[in-house]
Amino acid sequence: GQQQNDFMEIIEDRHGRKATIIASQLPVSKWYDVIGNEVIADAILDRIVHSSHRFDLKGESLRKKL
């Protein structure tokens, strides 16, 4: 769809030239399902995963009420 193509264009334009911060609660393994187009998902993940610094946060949510 159009959103997948737009996201791909943004990643393509910034790849290797600009820093891009992506925050997600969705594991990378689920991105294929969400993006929905395997070719676009491969292209996006190829540009993001292999040149990224990844931080996985662990522990209790700070939003959790006591």
N, C-alpha and C. Protein backbone atom coordinates (compact mmCIF):
# COMPACT_ATOMS: atom_id res chain seq x y z
N GLY A 1 0.81 -1.19 0.00
CA GLY A 1 0.00 0.00 0.00
C GLY A 1 0.86 1.26 0.00
N GLN A 2 0.20 2.35 0.01
CA GLN A 2 0.88 3.65 -0.04
C GLN A 2 1.74 3.91 1.19
N GLN A 3 1.26 3.51 2.37
CA GLN A 3 2.04 3.74 3.59
C GLN A 3 3.36 2.98 3.57
N GLN A 4 3.32 1.74 3.09
CA GLN A 4 4.54 0.94 3.00
C GLN A 4 5.53 1.60 2.04
N ASN A 5 5.04 2.06 0.90
CA ASN A 5 5.91 2.73 -0.07
C ASN A 5 6.47 4.03 0.49
N ASP A 6 5.65 4.79 1.21
CA ASP A 6 6.12 6.05 1.82
C ASP A 6 7.22 5.78 2.84
N PHE A 7 7.01 4.77 3.70
CA PHE A 7 8.02 4.42 4.70
C PHE A 7 9.32 3.98 4.03
N MET A 8 9.19 3.18 2.98
CA MET A 8 10.38 2.74 2.24
C MET A 8 11.13 3.93 1.65
N GLU A 9 10.41 4.89 1.08
CA GLU A 9 11.05 6.08 0.52
C GLU A 9 11.80 6.89 1.58
N ILE A 10 11.21 7.02 2.75
CA ILE A 10 11.86 7.75 3.84
C ILE A 10 13.16 7.05 4.25
N ILE A 11 13.08 5.75 4.45
CA ILE A 11 14.26 4.97 4.84
C ILE A 11 15.32 5.03 3.75
N GLU A 12 14.91 4.88 2.50
CA GLU A 12 15.84 4.92 1.36
C GLU A 12 16.54 6.28 1.27
N ASP A 13 15.79 7.36 1.43
CA ASP A 13 16.37 8.70 1.34
C ASP A 13 17.37 8.98 2.46
N ARG A 14 17.14 8.43 3.64
CA ARG A 14 17.99 8.72 4.79
C ARG A 14 19.14 7.73 4.95
N HIS A 15 19.02 6.55 4.35
CA HIS A 15 20.00 5.47 4.54
C HIS A 15 21.41 5.93 4.18
N GLY A 16 22.32 5.84 5.16
CA GLY A 16 23.71 6.19 4.95
C GLY A 16 24.00 7.68 4.94
N ARG A 17 22.98 8.50 5.09
CA ARG A 17 23.18 9.95 5.04
C ARG A 17 22.69 10.68 6.28
N LYS A 18 21.63 10.20 6.88
CA LYS A 18 21.03 10.87 8.03
C LYS A 18 20.73 9.86 9.12
N ALA A 19 20.75 10.32 10.35
CA ALA A 19 20.36 9.47 11.47
C ALA A 19 18.84 9.36 11.50
N THR A 20 18.36 8.18 11.81
CA THR A 20 16.92 7.95 11.92
C THR A 20 16.67 7.17 13.20
N ILE A 21 15.78 7.68 14.02
CA ILE A 21 15.43 7.00 15.26
C ILE A 21 14.05 6.37 15.09
N ILE A 22 13.99 5.08 15.36
CA ILE A 22 12.72 4.36 15.29
C ILE A 22 12.48 3.74 16.66
N ALA A 23 11.36 4.08 17.26
CA ALA A 23 10.98 3.50 18.55
C ALA A 23 9.76 2.63 18.31
N SER A 24 9.82 1.40 18.79
CA SER A 24 8.72 0.47 18.54
C SER A 24 8.63 -0.54 19.66
N GLN A 25 7.41 -0.94 19.95
CA GLN A 25 7.19 -2.04 20.88
C GLN A 25 7.05 -3.35 20.12
N LEU A 26 7.09 -3.27 18.80
CA LEU A 26 6.92 -4.43 17.94
C LEU A 26 8.26 -5.08 17.65
N PRO A 27 8.43 -6.36 17.94
CA PRO A 27 9.69 -7.04 17.63
C PRO A 27 9.95 -7.03 16.13
N VAL A 28 11.22 -6.95 15.75
CA VAL A 28 11.60 -6.93 14.34
C VAL A 28 11.01 -8.12 13.59
N SER A 29 10.92 -9.26 14.25
CA SER A 29 10.38 -10.46 13.60
C SER A 29 8.92 -10.29 13.17
N LYS A 30 8.21 -9.37 13.74
CA LYS A 30 6.80 -9.14 13.40
C LYS A 30 6.62 -8.06 12.33
N TRP A 31 7.69 -7.38 11.93
CA TRP A 31 7.58 -6.30 10.96
C TRP A 31 7.07 -6.80 9.61
N TYR A 32 7.44 -8.01 9.22
CA TYR A 32 6.96 -8.55 7.94
C TYR A 32 5.43 -8.62 7.93
N ASP A 33 4.85 -9.08 9.03
CA ASP A 33 3.40 -9.18 9.11
C ASP A 33 2.74 -7.80 9.04
N VAL A 34 3.32 -6.84 9.73
CA VAL A 34 2.73 -5.50 9.78
C VAL A 34 2.91 -4.77 8.45
N ILE A 35 4.09 -4.85 7.86
CA ILE A 35 4.33 -4.18 6.58
C ILE A 35 3.49 -4.83 5.48
N GLY A 36 3.38 -6.14 5.51
CA GLY A 36 2.47 -6.83 4.61
C GLY A 36 3.02 -7.15 3.23
N ASN A 37 4.07 -6.50 2.80
CA ASN A 37 4.67 -6.77 1.50
C ASN A 37 6.09 -7.23 1.75
N GLU A 38 6.37 -8.50 1.45
CA GLU A 38 7.66 -9.09 1.80
C GLU A 38 8.84 -8.39 1.13
N VAL A 39 8.68 -7.96 -0.11
CA VAL A 39 9.76 -7.29 -0.84
C VAL A 39 10.09 -5.95 -0.18
N ILE A 40 9.06 -5.18 0.14
CA ILE A 40 9.28 -3.89 0.80
C ILE A 40 9.84 -4.10 2.20
N ALA A 41 9.30 -5.06 2.93
CA ALA A 41 9.80 -5.35 4.28
C ALA A 41 11.28 -5.73 4.24
N ASP A 42 11.67 -6.58 3.29
CA ASP A 42 13.08 -6.96 3.14
C ASP A 42 13.96 -5.73 2.90
N ALA A 43 13.52 -4.86 2.01
CA ALA A 43 14.29 -3.67 1.67
C ALA A 43 14.43 -2.74 2.88
N ILE A 44 13.34 -2.52 3.59
CA ILE A 44 13.37 -1.65 4.77
C ILE A 44 14.27 -2.24 5.84
N LEU A 45 14.06 -3.51 6.17
CA LEU A 45 14.84 -4.14 7.24
C LEU A 45 16.31 -4.27 6.87
N ASP A 46 16.61 -4.49 5.60
CA ASP A 46 18.00 -4.56 5.17
C ASP A 46 18.72 -3.24 5.46
N ARG A 47 18.06 -2.14 5.22
CA ARG A 47 18.67 -0.82 5.44
C ARG A 47 18.72 -0.45 6.92
N ILE A 48 17.76 -0.93 7.70
CA ILE A 48 17.70 -0.56 9.12
C ILE A 48 18.56 -1.48 9.99
N VAL A 49 18.36 -2.77 9.89
CA VAL A 49 18.93 -3.73 10.84
C VAL A 49 20.45 -3.81 10.75
N HIS A 50 21.01 -3.79 9.57
CA HIS A 50 22.44 -4.03 9.42
C HIS A 50 23.32 -2.83 9.75
N SER A 51 22.72 -1.67 9.89
CA SER A 51 23.54 -0.48 10.19
C SER A 51 23.00 0.27 11.41
N SER A 52 22.33 -0.45 12.29
CA SER A 52 21.69 0.23 13.42
C SER A 52 22.37 -0.08 14.75
N HIS A 53 22.07 0.77 15.70
CA HIS A 53 22.41 0.53 17.10
C HIS A 53 21.07 0.26 17.77
N ARG A 54 20.97 -0.88 18.38
CA ARG A 54 19.69 -1.30 18.93
C ARG A 54 19.74 -1.34 20.44
N PHE A 55 18.69 -0.82 21.05
CA PHE A 55 18.57 -0.82 22.50
C PHE A 55 17.27 -1.55 22.85
N ASP A 56 17.38 -2.64 23.57
CA ASP A 56 16.20 -3.36 24.04
C ASP A 56 16.01 -3.02 25.51
N LEU A 57 14.91 -2.39 25.83
CA LEU A 57 14.63 -2.01 27.20
C LEU A 57 13.92 -3.16 27.90
N LYS A 58 14.29 -3.40 29.12
CA LYS A 58 13.71 -4.49 29.89
C LYS A 58 13.23 -3.94 31.24
N GLY A 59 12.38 -4.70 31.86
CA GLY A 59 11.92 -4.31 33.19
C GLY A 59 10.48 -3.87 33.19
N GLU A 60 10.04 -3.45 34.36
CA GLU A 60 8.66 -3.01 34.54
C GLU A 60 8.40 -1.70 33.81
N SER A 61 7.18 -1.55 33.36
CA SER A 61 6.77 -0.31 32.71
C SER A 61 6.75 0.81 33.74
N LEU A 62 7.22 1.97 33.33
CA LEU A 62 7.15 3.14 34.22
C LEU A 62 5.73 3.66 34.33
N ARG A 63 4.86 3.24 33.44
CA ARG A 63 3.46 3.65 33.47
C ARG A 63 2.63 2.80 34.42
N LYS A 64 3.21 1.69 34.86
CA LYS A 64 2.47 0.78 35.73
C LYS A 64 2.14 1.46 37.05
N LYS A 65 0.89 1.42 37.42
CA LYS A 65 0.47 2.05 38.67
C LYS A 65 0.72 1.09 39.83
N LEU A 66 1.17 1.64 40.92
CA LEU A 66 1.44 0.83 42.12
C LEU A 66 0.20 0.63 42.95
